N, C-alpha and C. Protein backbone atom coordinates (compact mmCIF):
# COMPACT_ATOMS: atom_id res chain seq x y z
N UNK A 1 -157.53 79.10 69.95
CA UNK A 1 -157.88 80.08 68.95
C UNK A 1 -158.47 79.39 67.71
N UNK A 2 -159.59 79.88 67.27
CA UNK A 2 -160.27 79.26 66.13
C UNK A 2 -159.57 79.59 64.81
N UNK A 3 -159.56 78.60 63.91
CA UNK A 3 -158.96 78.82 62.60
C UNK A 3 -159.93 79.56 61.69
N UNK A 4 -159.36 80.37 60.80
CA UNK A 4 -160.19 81.11 59.84
C UNK A 4 -160.71 80.15 58.78
N UNK A 5 -161.97 80.29 58.43
CA UNK A 5 -162.54 79.45 57.39
C UNK A 5 -162.02 79.90 56.03
N UNK A 6 -161.67 78.93 55.18
CA UNK A 6 -161.16 79.26 53.85
C UNK A 6 -162.31 79.75 52.98
N UNK A 7 -162.03 80.78 52.18
CA UNK A 7 -163.04 81.27 51.25
C UNK A 7 -163.02 80.41 50.00
N UNK A 8 -164.19 80.20 49.45
CA UNK A 8 -164.31 79.40 48.24
C UNK A 8 -163.94 80.27 47.03
N UNK A 9 -163.14 79.70 46.12
CA UNK A 9 -162.75 80.45 44.93
C UNK A 9 -163.94 80.63 44.00
N UNK A 10 -164.13 81.84 43.49
CA UNK A 10 -165.20 82.10 42.52
C UNK A 10 -164.76 81.71 41.12
N UNK A 11 -163.47 81.96 40.84
CA UNK A 11 -162.92 81.66 39.52
C UNK A 11 -161.81 80.64 39.68
N UNK A 12 -161.67 79.74 38.70
CA UNK A 12 -160.57 78.78 38.76
C UNK A 12 -159.27 79.48 38.36
N UNK A 13 -158.15 78.90 38.76
CA UNK A 13 -156.85 79.48 38.41
C UNK A 13 -156.64 79.45 36.90
N UNK A 14 -157.12 78.41 36.26
CA UNK A 14 -156.93 78.28 34.81
C UNK A 14 -157.76 79.30 34.03
N UNK A 15 -158.88 79.75 34.59
CA UNK A 15 -159.67 80.78 33.90
C UNK A 15 -158.93 82.11 33.95
N UNK A 16 -158.13 82.31 35.01
CA UNK A 16 -157.31 83.51 35.12
C UNK A 16 -156.26 83.56 34.03
N UNK A 17 -155.76 82.40 33.63
CA UNK A 17 -154.74 82.36 32.56
C UNK A 17 -155.35 82.72 31.22
N UNK A 18 -156.64 82.38 31.00
CA UNK A 18 -157.32 82.77 29.77
C UNK A 18 -157.47 84.28 29.69
N UNK A 19 -157.81 84.89 30.81
CA UNK A 19 -157.96 86.34 30.87
C UNK A 19 -156.60 87.00 30.67
N UNK A 20 -155.57 86.41 31.27
CA UNK A 20 -154.21 86.94 31.16
C UNK A 20 -153.74 86.96 29.71
N UNK A 21 -153.99 85.88 28.98
CA UNK A 21 -153.56 85.81 27.59
C UNK A 21 -154.34 86.81 26.72
N UNK A 22 -155.61 87.00 27.04
CA UNK A 22 -156.43 87.97 26.30
C UNK A 22 -155.94 89.39 26.57
N UNK A 23 -155.54 89.66 27.81
CA UNK A 23 -155.02 90.98 28.16
C UNK A 23 -153.70 91.26 27.43
N UNK A 24 -152.89 90.22 27.27
CA UNK A 24 -151.62 90.38 26.53
C UNK A 24 -151.90 90.80 25.09
N UNK A 25 -152.85 90.11 24.45
CA UNK A 25 -153.15 90.44 23.06
C UNK A 25 -153.81 91.83 22.95
N UNK A 26 -154.57 92.22 23.98
CA UNK A 26 -155.18 93.57 24.01
C UNK A 26 -154.09 94.64 24.09
N UNK A 27 -153.10 94.40 24.96
CA UNK A 27 -152.02 95.37 25.13
C UNK A 27 -151.17 95.51 23.87
N UNK A 28 -151.04 94.41 23.12
CA UNK A 28 -150.29 94.46 21.86
C UNK A 28 -151.13 95.08 20.74
N UNK A 29 -152.44 95.23 20.97
CA UNK A 29 -153.33 95.78 19.95
C UNK A 29 -153.83 94.74 18.98
N UNK A 30 -153.73 93.46 19.35
CA UNK A 30 -154.12 92.37 18.45
C UNK A 30 -155.49 91.78 18.78
N UNK A 31 -156.07 92.15 19.93
CA UNK A 31 -157.34 91.55 20.36
C UNK A 31 -158.48 92.04 19.48
N UNK A 32 -159.31 91.09 19.05
CA UNK A 32 -160.47 91.43 18.22
C UNK A 32 -161.72 90.91 18.90
N UNK A 33 -162.82 91.61 18.67
CA UNK A 33 -164.09 91.18 19.26
C UNK A 33 -164.94 90.52 18.19
N UNK A 34 -166.02 89.93 18.62
CA UNK A 34 -166.96 89.34 17.68
C UNK A 34 -166.66 87.88 17.39
N UNK A 35 -167.53 87.29 16.62
CA UNK A 35 -167.46 85.87 16.31
C UNK A 35 -166.26 85.55 15.43
N UNK A 36 -165.37 84.72 15.93
CA UNK A 36 -164.20 84.34 15.15
C UNK A 36 -163.20 85.48 15.00
N UNK A 37 -163.33 86.51 15.82
CA UNK A 37 -162.41 87.65 15.75
C UNK A 37 -162.60 88.50 14.51
N UNK A 38 -163.80 88.45 13.92
CA UNK A 38 -164.06 89.20 12.70
C UNK A 38 -164.58 90.61 12.98
N UNK A 39 -164.77 90.91 14.25
CA UNK A 39 -165.25 92.24 14.62
C UNK A 39 -164.12 93.25 14.64
N UNK A 40 -164.36 94.37 15.29
CA UNK A 40 -163.34 95.41 15.36
C UNK A 40 -162.34 95.17 16.47
N UNK A 41 -161.45 96.11 16.65
CA UNK A 41 -160.45 96.02 17.71
C UNK A 41 -161.10 96.21 19.07
N UNK A 42 -160.55 95.53 20.05
CA UNK A 42 -161.00 95.70 21.43
C UNK A 42 -160.40 97.01 21.94
N UNK A 43 -161.26 97.91 22.46
CA UNK A 43 -160.79 99.24 22.83
C UNK A 43 -160.70 99.47 24.33
N UNK A 44 -161.25 98.58 25.14
CA UNK A 44 -161.19 98.80 26.58
C UNK A 44 -160.71 97.54 27.30
N UNK A 45 -160.09 97.77 28.47
CA UNK A 45 -159.62 96.68 29.32
C UNK A 45 -160.80 95.80 29.73
N UNK A 46 -161.90 96.45 30.04
CA UNK A 46 -163.09 95.75 30.52
C UNK A 46 -163.60 94.75 29.47
N UNK A 47 -163.56 95.19 28.21
CA UNK A 47 -164.01 94.34 27.11
C UNK A 47 -163.06 93.15 26.95
N UNK A 48 -161.76 93.39 27.09
CA UNK A 48 -160.77 92.32 26.97
C UNK A 48 -160.96 91.27 28.06
N UNK A 49 -161.25 91.72 29.27
CA UNK A 49 -161.49 90.81 30.39
C UNK A 49 -162.73 89.97 30.12
N UNK A 50 -163.78 90.62 29.61
CA UNK A 50 -165.03 89.92 29.30
C UNK A 50 -164.81 88.84 28.25
N UNK A 51 -163.98 89.12 27.26
CA UNK A 51 -163.70 88.14 26.20
C UNK A 51 -162.93 86.96 26.79
N UNK A 52 -161.96 87.25 27.67
CA UNK A 52 -161.18 86.19 28.32
C UNK A 52 -162.06 85.28 29.16
N UNK A 53 -162.99 85.87 29.90
CA UNK A 53 -163.91 85.08 30.73
C UNK A 53 -164.86 84.25 29.85
N UNK A 54 -165.27 84.83 28.74
CA UNK A 54 -166.15 84.13 27.82
C UNK A 54 -165.45 82.90 27.24
N UNK A 55 -164.17 83.05 26.89
CA UNK A 55 -163.39 81.91 26.38
C UNK A 55 -163.25 80.83 27.45
N UNK A 56 -163.08 81.25 28.71
CA UNK A 56 -162.97 80.30 29.81
C UNK A 56 -164.28 79.54 29.99
N UNK A 57 -165.41 80.23 29.85
CA UNK A 57 -166.72 79.58 29.97
C UNK A 57 -166.90 78.52 28.89
N UNK A 58 -166.45 78.83 27.67
CA UNK A 58 -166.58 77.89 26.56
C UNK A 58 -165.77 76.62 26.80
N UNK A 59 -164.66 76.76 27.56
CA UNK A 59 -163.83 75.60 27.89
C UNK A 59 -164.31 74.89 29.16
N UNK A 60 -165.48 75.27 29.66
CA UNK A 60 -166.09 74.70 30.87
C UNK A 60 -165.22 74.85 32.10
N UNK A 61 -164.61 76.00 32.27
CA UNK A 61 -163.83 76.28 33.47
C UNK A 61 -164.73 76.94 34.49
N UNK A 62 -164.26 76.98 35.73
CA UNK A 62 -165.10 77.51 36.82
C UNK A 62 -165.13 79.04 36.78
N UNK A 63 -166.21 79.55 36.21
CA UNK A 63 -166.42 80.99 36.10
C UNK A 63 -167.90 81.24 36.42
N UNK A 64 -168.22 82.25 37.23
CA UNK A 64 -169.62 82.54 37.52
C UNK A 64 -170.41 82.87 36.25
N UNK A 65 -171.71 82.61 36.30
CA UNK A 65 -172.56 82.89 35.15
C UNK A 65 -172.63 84.39 34.88
N UNK A 66 -172.93 84.72 33.64
CA UNK A 66 -173.08 86.13 33.25
C UNK A 66 -174.26 86.75 33.98
N UNK A 67 -174.13 88.03 34.33
CA UNK A 67 -175.28 88.74 34.90
C UNK A 67 -176.14 89.21 33.75
N UNK A 68 -177.43 88.89 33.79
CA UNK A 68 -178.30 89.24 32.66
C UNK A 68 -178.78 90.66 32.71
């Protein structure tokens, strides 16, 4: 019986932790958008996830490029 081929990870495990921490701050109502957190409050889960992924990209973690 042939073994199943392993799928390649799209995101690193450590990038998931960045998103997780951003989601925590979003749920507490502390997440801010914009440069240096000077923008308004983050109002959607989707926005919080995007901010977490953006932070992971800045730390050079394995995250796919943004769709333009």
